[in-house]
Amino acid sequence: MYLRRTAVIAAVLCTLSGSAGAVVVFDPLNTLEHSFLNGWRASIGAVLTQQLDRVRQMAKRLSAVTSLTKYVAPDAPRWRTRRIDNVLAASDAFMDALDGGDQKGSGIAAVAWS
């Protein structure tokens, strides 16, 4: 009887309070960890942005001096993927299109509209 009365009172109090689900929990270690990780991510993003800017500057300077077509391999090898025996037959045309280009769009058509 005592347990039943306690359960009913607890249910009524939770219903009347309305904010029983809005309990705020503060964990200082978790907050410290996330602030450290956010700072670390920001510093990595800044370094990557600096590297990208440097590569763009180098490419602009190089292309201003000479033609970049001399750096293209005349007969570049096509990438090959290991084929699975007819498991995904439609994906062969798509992979070939990714590897060597597809002017007609038949590779993507074989996968997307089949």
N, C-alpha and C. Protein backbone atom coordinates (compact mmCIF):
# COMPACT_ATOMS: atom_id res chain seq x y z
N MET A 1 0.82 -1.19 0.00
CA MET A 1 0.00 0.00 0.00
C MET A 1 0.86 1.26 0.00
N TYR A 2 1.95 1.24 0.81
CA TYR A 2 2.83 2.39 0.90
C TYR A 2 3.54 2.64 -0.44
N LEU A 3 3.96 1.56 -1.12
CA LEU A 3 4.64 1.68 -2.41
C LEU A 3 3.70 2.21 -3.47
N ARG A 4 2.46 1.78 -3.42
CA ARG A 4 1.46 2.23 -4.39
C ARG A 4 1.20 3.72 -4.23
N ARG A 5 1.07 4.18 -2.99
CA ARG A 5 0.81 5.59 -2.71
C ARG A 5 2.02 6.44 -3.15
N THR A 6 3.20 5.96 -2.92
CA THR A 6 4.41 6.68 -3.32
C THR A 6 4.49 6.79 -4.84
N ALA A 7 4.17 5.73 -5.55
CA ALA A 7 4.20 5.76 -7.01
C ALA A 7 3.17 6.73 -7.57
N VAL A 8 1.99 6.77 -6.98
CA VAL A 8 0.94 7.68 -7.44
C VAL A 8 1.35 9.12 -7.19
N ILE A 9 1.91 9.40 -6.02
CA ILE A 9 2.34 10.77 -5.70
C ILE A 9 3.48 11.20 -6.64
N ALA A 10 4.41 10.30 -6.91
CA ALA A 10 5.52 10.63 -7.81
C ALA A 10 5.01 10.91 -9.22
N ALA A 11 4.04 10.11 -9.68
CA ALA A 11 3.49 10.32 -11.01
C ALA A 11 2.75 11.65 -11.10
N VAL A 12 2.02 12.01 -10.07
CA VAL A 12 1.29 13.27 -10.06
C VAL A 12 2.26 14.45 -10.03
N LEU A 13 3.29 14.34 -9.23
CA LEU A 13 4.27 15.43 -9.15
C LEU A 13 5.01 15.61 -10.47
N CYS A 14 5.37 14.52 -11.12
CA CYS A 14 6.04 14.61 -12.42
C CYS A 14 5.13 15.23 -13.46
N THR A 15 3.86 14.88 -13.43
CA THR A 15 2.91 15.42 -14.39
C THR A 15 2.68 16.91 -14.15
N LEU A 16 2.57 17.31 -12.90
CA LEU A 16 2.30 18.70 -12.58
C LEU A 16 3.51 19.60 -12.78
N SER A 17 4.69 19.05 -12.60
CA SER A 17 5.88 19.91 -12.69
C SER A 17 6.14 20.36 -14.12
N GLY A 18 5.90 19.52 -15.11
CA GLY A 18 6.05 19.89 -16.50
C GLY A 18 7.50 20.00 -16.94
N SER A 19 8.40 20.25 -16.04
CA SER A 19 9.80 20.39 -16.41
C SER A 19 10.63 19.21 -15.92
N ALA A 20 10.00 18.11 -15.67
CA ALA A 20 10.73 16.96 -15.16
C ALA A 20 11.70 16.41 -16.20
N GLY A 21 11.40 16.59 -17.49
CA GLY A 21 12.29 16.10 -18.54
C GLY A 21 13.39 17.09 -18.87
N ALA A 22 13.34 18.30 -18.32
CA ALA A 22 14.30 19.34 -18.67
C ALA A 22 15.34 19.51 -17.58
N VAL A 23 15.89 18.42 -17.14
CA VAL A 23 16.92 18.47 -16.11
C VAL A 23 18.25 18.79 -16.77
N VAL A 24 18.96 19.78 -16.27
CA VAL A 24 20.25 20.17 -16.82
C VAL A 24 21.34 19.49 -16.03
N VAL A 25 22.20 18.78 -16.73
CA VAL A 25 23.32 18.10 -16.10
C VAL A 25 24.60 18.77 -16.58
N PHE A 26 25.44 19.17 -15.68
CA PHE A 26 26.71 19.80 -16.02
C PHE A 26 27.84 18.87 -15.63
N ASP A 27 28.61 18.46 -16.61
CA ASP A 27 29.76 17.59 -16.37
C ASP A 27 31.01 18.38 -16.73
N PRO A 28 31.78 18.82 -15.75
CA PRO A 28 32.93 19.67 -16.05
C PRO A 28 34.00 18.97 -16.89
N LEU A 29 34.22 17.70 -16.69
CA LEU A 29 35.23 16.99 -17.48
C LEU A 29 34.81 16.88 -18.94
N ASN A 30 33.53 16.61 -19.18
CA ASN A 30 33.03 16.53 -20.54
C ASN A 30 33.11 17.89 -21.23
N THR A 31 32.76 18.95 -20.51
CA THR A 31 32.85 20.30 -21.05
C THR A 31 34.30 20.66 -21.38
N LEU A 32 35.22 20.33 -20.50
CA LEU A 32 36.64 20.59 -20.73
C LEU A 32 37.15 19.82 -21.93
N GLU A 33 36.75 18.55 -22.03
CA GLU A 33 37.19 17.72 -23.16
C GLU A 33 36.69 18.30 -24.49
N HIS A 34 35.44 18.70 -24.54
CA HIS A 34 34.88 19.22 -25.79
C HIS A 34 35.47 20.59 -26.14
N SER A 35 35.76 21.40 -25.15
CA SER A 35 36.40 22.68 -25.47
C SER A 35 37.81 22.45 -26.00
N PHE A 36 38.53 21.49 -25.45
CA PHE A 36 39.85 21.14 -25.97
C PHE A 36 39.75 20.62 -27.41
N LEU A 37 38.81 19.71 -27.66
CA LEU A 37 38.66 19.14 -29.00
C LEU A 37 38.24 20.19 -30.01
N ASN A 38 37.37 21.12 -29.62
CA ASN A 38 36.97 22.19 -30.55
C ASN A 38 38.14 23.10 -30.90
N GLY A 39 38.98 23.41 -29.92
CA GLY A 39 40.17 24.20 -30.20
C GLY A 39 41.14 23.47 -31.10
N TRP A 40 41.29 22.18 -30.88
CA TRP A 40 42.18 21.35 -31.70
C TRP A 40 41.68 21.29 -33.14
N ARG A 41 40.37 21.10 -33.32
CA ARG A 41 39.79 21.07 -34.67
C ARG A 41 39.96 22.42 -35.37
N ALA A 42 39.80 23.49 -34.63
CA ALA A 42 39.97 24.82 -35.22
C ALA A 42 41.40 25.04 -35.68
N SER A 43 42.37 24.58 -34.88
CA SER A 43 43.77 24.76 -35.28
C SER A 43 44.11 23.90 -36.48
N ILE A 44 43.58 22.69 -36.55
CA ILE A 44 43.81 21.84 -37.73
C ILE A 44 43.18 22.47 -38.96
N GLY A 45 41.97 23.02 -38.83
CA GLY A 45 41.33 23.70 -39.96
C GLY A 45 42.13 24.90 -40.43
N ALA A 46 42.72 25.65 -39.50
CA ALA A 46 43.53 26.80 -39.88
C ALA A 46 44.78 26.37 -40.64
N VAL A 47 45.42 25.30 -40.18
CA VAL A 47 46.62 24.80 -40.86
C VAL A 47 46.27 24.30 -42.26
N LEU A 48 45.18 23.58 -42.41
CA LEU A 48 44.78 23.08 -43.72
C LEU A 48 44.42 24.23 -44.67
N THR A 49 43.79 25.27 -44.14
CA THR A 49 43.48 26.43 -44.97
C THR A 49 44.75 27.13 -45.43
N GLN A 50 45.73 27.25 -44.55
CA GLN A 50 47.01 27.85 -44.93
C GLN A 50 47.71 27.02 -46.00
N GLN A 51 47.67 25.70 -45.86
CA GLN A 51 48.30 24.84 -46.85
C GLN A 51 47.61 24.97 -48.21
N LEU A 52 46.29 25.02 -48.21
CA LEU A 52 45.55 25.17 -49.46
C LEU A 52 45.88 26.51 -50.13
N ASP A 53 45.95 27.57 -49.34
CA ASP A 53 46.32 28.87 -49.90
C ASP A 53 47.72 28.84 -50.49
N ARG A 54 48.65 28.18 -49.82
CA ARG A 54 50.02 28.09 -50.32
C ARG A 54 50.09 27.32 -51.63
N VAL A 55 49.36 26.21 -51.73
CA VAL A 55 49.36 25.42 -52.96
C VAL A 55 48.75 26.24 -54.10
N ARG A 56 47.69 26.98 -53.83
CA ARG A 56 47.08 27.82 -54.87
C ARG A 56 48.05 28.91 -55.33
N GLN A 57 48.76 29.51 -54.41
CA GLN A 57 49.75 30.53 -54.78
C GLN A 57 50.85 29.93 -55.66
N MET A 58 51.31 28.74 -55.28
CA MET A 58 52.36 28.09 -56.05
C MET A 58 51.87 27.74 -57.45
N ALA A 59 50.62 27.29 -57.56
CA ALA A 59 50.08 26.94 -58.87
C ALA A 59 49.92 28.18 -59.74
N LYS A 60 49.49 29.29 -59.15
CA LYS A 60 49.35 30.53 -59.92
C LYS A 60 50.70 31.01 -60.44
N ARG A 61 51.72 30.96 -59.57
CA ARG A 61 53.04 31.42 -59.99
C ARG A 61 53.62 30.52 -61.07
N LEU A 62 53.42 29.21 -60.93
CA LEU A 62 53.96 28.27 -61.92
C LEU A 62 53.25 28.42 -63.25
N SER A 63 51.92 28.59 -63.24
CA SER A 63 51.19 28.70 -64.50
C SER A 63 51.44 30.04 -65.18
N ALA A 64 51.89 31.05 -64.44
CA ALA A 64 52.21 32.33 -65.06
C ALA A 64 53.53 32.26 -65.82
N VAL A 65 54.42 31.37 -65.43
CA VAL A 65 55.74 31.27 -66.03
C VAL A 65 55.77 30.31 -67.21
N THR A 66 55.05 29.20 -67.08
CA THR A 66 55.13 28.16 -68.10
C THR A 66 53.78 27.48 -68.29
N SER A 67 53.67 26.74 -69.35
CA SER A 67 52.44 25.98 -69.60
C SER A 67 52.46 24.71 -68.77
N LEU A 68 51.35 24.42 -68.13
CA LEU A 68 51.30 23.25 -67.25
C LEU A 68 51.04 21.95 -68.01
N THR A 69 50.79 22.04 -69.32
CA THR A 69 50.53 20.82 -70.09
C THR A 69 51.77 19.94 -70.20
N LYS A 70 52.94 20.51 -69.98
CA LYS A 70 54.14 19.68 -70.07
C LYS A 70 54.27 18.74 -68.88
N TYR A 71 53.47 18.96 -67.82
CA TYR A 71 53.50 18.08 -66.66
C TYR A 71 52.50 16.94 -66.74
N VAL A 72 51.70 16.91 -67.79
CA VAL A 72 50.71 15.86 -67.96
C VAL A 72 51.38 14.67 -68.62
N ALA A 73 51.15 13.49 -68.07
CA ALA A 73 51.73 12.29 -68.66
C ALA A 73 51.06 12.03 -70.01
N PRO A 74 51.84 11.76 -71.06
CA PRO A 74 51.24 11.61 -72.39
C PRO A 74 50.32 10.39 -72.49
N ASP A 75 50.66 9.34 -71.84
CA ASP A 75 49.84 8.13 -71.91
C ASP A 75 49.62 7.62 -70.49
N ALA A 76 48.79 8.35 -69.76
CA ALA A 76 48.56 8.00 -68.36
C ALA A 76 47.80 6.68 -68.27
N PRO A 77 48.23 5.80 -67.39
CA PRO A 77 47.52 4.52 -67.26
C PRO A 77 46.15 4.71 -66.62
N ARG A 78 45.19 3.91 -67.06
CA ARG A 78 43.86 3.96 -66.47
C ARG A 78 43.85 3.12 -65.21
N TRP A 79 43.14 3.58 -64.22
CA TRP A 79 43.02 2.81 -62.99
C TRP A 79 42.13 1.61 -63.26
N ARG A 80 42.49 0.54 -62.69
CA ARG A 80 41.68 -0.68 -62.82
C ARG A 80 41.24 -1.12 -61.44
N THR A 81 40.03 -1.57 -61.37
CA THR A 81 39.52 -2.11 -60.12
C THR A 81 39.34 -3.60 -60.27
N ARG A 82 39.41 -4.28 -59.17
CA ARG A 82 39.21 -5.73 -59.19
C ARG A 82 37.72 -6.00 -59.35
N ARG A 83 37.39 -6.75 -60.34
CA ARG A 83 35.98 -7.02 -60.63
C ARG A 83 35.48 -8.22 -59.83
N ILE A 84 34.25 -8.11 -59.39
CA ILE A 84 33.58 -9.23 -58.75
C ILE A 84 32.75 -9.88 -59.83
N ASP A 85 32.79 -11.17 -59.91
CA ASP A 85 32.18 -11.90 -61.02
C ASP A 85 30.68 -11.66 -61.10
N ASN A 86 30.28 -10.71 -61.93
CA ASN A 86 28.89 -10.39 -62.27
C ASN A 86 27.96 -10.21 -61.07
N VAL A 87 28.52 -9.75 -59.97
CA VAL A 87 27.64 -9.48 -58.84
C VAL A 87 26.89 -8.18 -59.08
N LEU A 88 27.61 -7.18 -59.56
CA LEU A 88 27.00 -5.89 -59.87
C LEU A 88 27.34 -5.55 -61.32
N ALA A 89 26.64 -6.15 -62.24
CA ALA A 89 26.96 -5.98 -63.66
C ALA A 89 26.79 -4.52 -64.10
N ALA A 90 25.81 -3.82 -63.56
CA ALA A 90 25.58 -2.44 -63.98
C ALA A 90 26.69 -1.52 -63.49
N SER A 91 27.37 -1.90 -62.43
CA SER A 91 28.40 -1.03 -61.90
C SER A 91 29.69 -1.08 -62.73
N ASP A 92 29.87 -2.08 -63.60
CA ASP A 92 31.08 -2.14 -64.42
C ASP A 92 31.17 -0.93 -65.35
N ALA A 93 30.07 -0.57 -65.99
CA ALA A 93 30.06 0.60 -66.88
C ALA A 93 30.28 1.88 -66.08
N PHE A 94 29.73 1.94 -64.88
CA PHE A 94 29.91 3.11 -64.04
C PHE A 94 31.36 3.25 -63.60
N MET A 95 31.99 2.15 -63.20
CA MET A 95 33.39 2.19 -62.79
C MET A 95 34.30 2.54 -63.96
N ASP A 96 33.98 2.03 -65.15
CA ASP A 96 34.76 2.40 -66.32
C ASP A 96 34.62 3.89 -66.62
N ALA A 97 33.43 4.44 -66.40
CA ALA A 97 33.22 5.86 -66.62
C ALA A 97 34.01 6.69 -65.62
N LEU A 98 34.08 6.23 -64.39
CA LEU A 98 34.87 6.94 -63.39
C LEU A 98 36.36 6.85 -63.71
N ASP A 99 36.79 5.71 -64.21
CA ASP A 99 38.21 5.50 -64.49
C ASP A 99 38.68 6.31 -65.69
N GLY A 100 37.94 6.29 -66.77
CA GLY A 100 38.45 6.89 -67.99
C GLY A 100 37.58 7.96 -68.60
N GLY A 101 36.50 8.31 -67.98
CA GLY A 101 35.62 9.32 -68.55
C GLY A 101 34.51 8.68 -69.37
N ASP A 102 33.42 9.38 -69.47
CA ASP A 102 32.26 8.85 -70.17
C ASP A 102 31.56 10.02 -70.87
N GLN A 103 31.87 10.20 -72.15
CA GLN A 103 31.33 11.34 -72.88
C GLN A 103 29.83 11.22 -73.12
N LYS A 104 29.34 10.01 -73.31
CA LYS A 104 27.91 9.81 -73.62
C LYS A 104 27.05 9.71 -72.38
N GLY A 105 27.63 9.41 -71.24
CA GLY A 105 26.85 9.26 -70.02
C GLY A 105 26.21 7.91 -69.86
N SER A 106 26.68 6.92 -70.60
CA SER A 106 26.05 5.59 -70.51
C SER A 106 26.40 4.88 -69.21
N GLY A 107 27.54 5.21 -68.62
CA GLY A 107 27.93 4.56 -67.35
C GLY A 107 27.00 4.95 -66.22
N ILE A 108 26.72 6.23 -66.10
CA ILE A 108 25.82 6.68 -65.04
C ILE A 108 24.39 6.25 -65.36
N ALA A 109 24.03 6.20 -66.63
CA ALA A 109 22.69 5.77 -67.00
C ALA A 109 22.47 4.31 -66.65
N ALA A 110 23.51 3.50 -66.79
CA ALA A 110 23.37 2.07 -66.49
C ALA A 110 23.10 1.84 -65.00
N VAL A 111 23.64 2.70 -64.16
CA VAL A 111 23.47 2.53 -62.71
C VAL A 111 22.22 3.25 -62.22
N ALA A 112 22.00 4.47 -62.67
CA ALA A 112 20.93 5.30 -62.11
C ALA A 112 19.55 4.93 -62.63
N TRP A 113 19.45 4.52 -63.87
CA TRP A 113 18.12 4.28 -64.43
C TRP A 113 17.90 2.84 -64.85
N SER A 114 18.58 1.94 -64.17
CA SER A 114 18.36 0.52 -64.52
C SER A 114 17.35 -0.12 -63.61
